[in-house]
Amino acid sequence: GVGYPLDIVVCSALGADMYDCVYPTRTARFGTALVPE
């Protein structure tokens, strides 16, 4: 899966429109929250 925000931007520019990412789920297991700055 795509794991970093920049990767999503690059992949979108290349035409990808569907993502399956384990990063949010994996980090949530350890008490990490992904929030906008």
N, C-alpha and C. Protein backbone atom coordinates (compact mmCIF):
# COMPACT_ATOMS: atom_id res chain seq x y z
N GLY A 1 0.81 -1.18 0.00
CA GLY A 1 0.00 0.00 0.00
C GLY A 1 0.86 1.26 0.00
N VAL A 2 0.24 2.35 -0.24
CA VAL A 2 0.91 3.65 -0.18
C VAL A 2 0.96 4.08 1.27
N GLY A 3 2.15 4.40 1.76
CA GLY A 3 2.29 4.67 3.19
C GLY A 3 2.55 6.10 3.58
N TYR A 4 2.91 6.95 2.66
CA TYR A 4 3.27 8.32 3.03
C TYR A 4 2.43 9.30 2.21
N PRO A 5 2.07 10.44 2.80
CA PRO A 5 1.23 11.41 2.09
C PRO A 5 1.79 11.82 0.72
N LEU A 6 3.09 12.03 0.63
CA LEU A 6 3.68 12.43 -0.65
C LEU A 6 3.49 11.34 -1.70
N ASP A 7 3.54 10.07 -1.30
CA ASP A 7 3.32 8.98 -2.24
C ASP A 7 1.92 9.06 -2.84
N ILE A 8 0.94 9.43 -2.04
CA ILE A 8 -0.43 9.55 -2.54
C ILE A 8 -0.52 10.66 -3.58
N VAL A 9 0.14 11.78 -3.31
CA VAL A 9 0.14 12.90 -4.26
C VAL A 9 0.78 12.47 -5.58
N VAL A 10 1.93 11.82 -5.50
CA VAL A 10 2.64 11.39 -6.70
C VAL A 10 1.81 10.37 -7.47
N CYS A 11 1.27 9.39 -6.78
CA CYS A 11 0.47 8.36 -7.45
C CYS A 11 -0.78 8.95 -8.09
N SER A 12 -1.40 9.92 -7.43
CA SER A 12 -2.57 10.58 -8.01
C SER A 12 -2.20 11.30 -9.30
N ALA A 13 -1.04 11.96 -9.29
CA ALA A 13 -0.58 12.65 -10.49
C ALA A 13 -0.31 11.67 -11.63
N LEU A 14 0.05 10.44 -11.28
CA LEU A 14 0.31 9.41 -12.29
C LEU A 14 -0.96 8.70 -12.74
N GLY A 15 -2.10 9.03 -12.12
CA GLY A 15 -3.37 8.48 -12.57
C GLY A 15 -4.00 7.46 -11.64
N ALA A 16 -3.36 7.12 -10.54
CA ALA A 16 -3.96 6.16 -9.61
C ALA A 16 -5.13 6.82 -8.90
N ASP A 17 -6.23 6.09 -8.75
CA ASP A 17 -7.38 6.68 -8.07
C ASP A 17 -7.96 5.76 -6.99
N MET A 18 -7.26 4.70 -6.67
CA MET A 18 -7.72 3.79 -5.63
C MET A 18 -6.51 3.36 -4.80
N TYR A 19 -6.65 3.43 -3.48
CA TYR A 19 -5.53 3.11 -2.60
C TYR A 19 -5.95 2.11 -1.54
N ASP A 20 -5.04 1.22 -1.20
CA ASP A 20 -5.25 0.27 -0.11
C ASP A 20 -4.03 0.41 0.79
N CYS A 21 -4.18 1.14 1.88
CA CYS A 21 -3.03 1.47 2.72
C CYS A 21 -3.20 0.90 4.12
N VAL A 22 -2.18 0.23 4.61
CA VAL A 22 -2.21 -0.33 5.96
C VAL A 22 -1.63 0.64 6.99
N TYR A 23 -0.99 1.73 6.53
CA TYR A 23 -0.31 2.65 7.45
C TYR A 23 -1.21 3.19 8.55
N PRO A 24 -2.40 3.74 8.25
CA PRO A 24 -3.24 4.25 9.34
C PRO A 24 -3.64 3.18 10.35
N THR A 25 -4.01 2.01 9.85
CA THR A 25 -4.41 0.92 10.74
C THR A 25 -3.25 0.42 11.57
N ARG A 26 -2.12 0.25 10.95
CA ARG A 26 -0.93 -0.26 11.64
C ARG A 26 -0.48 0.71 12.74
N THR A 27 -0.44 2.00 12.45
CA THR A 27 0.00 2.96 13.45
C THR A 27 -1.03 3.15 14.55
N ALA A 28 -2.31 2.99 14.23
CA ALA A 28 -3.36 3.13 15.25
C ALA A 28 -3.24 2.05 16.32
N ARG A 29 -2.73 0.90 15.97
CA ARG A 29 -2.55 -0.17 16.95
C ARG A 29 -1.64 0.24 18.09
N PHE A 30 -0.77 1.20 17.82
CA PHE A 30 0.19 1.64 18.83
C PHE A 30 -0.19 3.00 19.41
N GLY A 31 -1.44 3.40 19.24
CA GLY A 31 -1.94 4.63 19.85
C GLY A 31 -1.62 5.90 19.10
N THR A 32 -1.29 5.79 17.82
CA THR A 32 -0.98 6.97 17.01
C THR A 32 -2.22 7.42 16.26
N ALA A 33 -2.46 8.71 16.23
CA ALA A 33 -3.59 9.26 15.47
C ALA A 33 -3.05 10.12 14.34
N LEU A 34 -3.66 10.00 13.18
CA LEU A 34 -3.28 10.82 12.04
C LEU A 34 -4.27 11.99 11.97
N VAL A 35 -3.77 13.19 12.19
CA VAL A 35 -4.62 14.38 12.20
C VAL A 35 -4.02 15.44 11.30
N PRO A 36 -4.86 16.31 10.74
CA PRO A 36 -4.31 17.40 9.91
C PRO A 36 -3.56 18.39 10.79
N GLU A 37 -2.57 19.03 10.21
CA GLU A 37 -1.80 20.01 10.98
C GLU A 37 -2.58 21.28 11.17
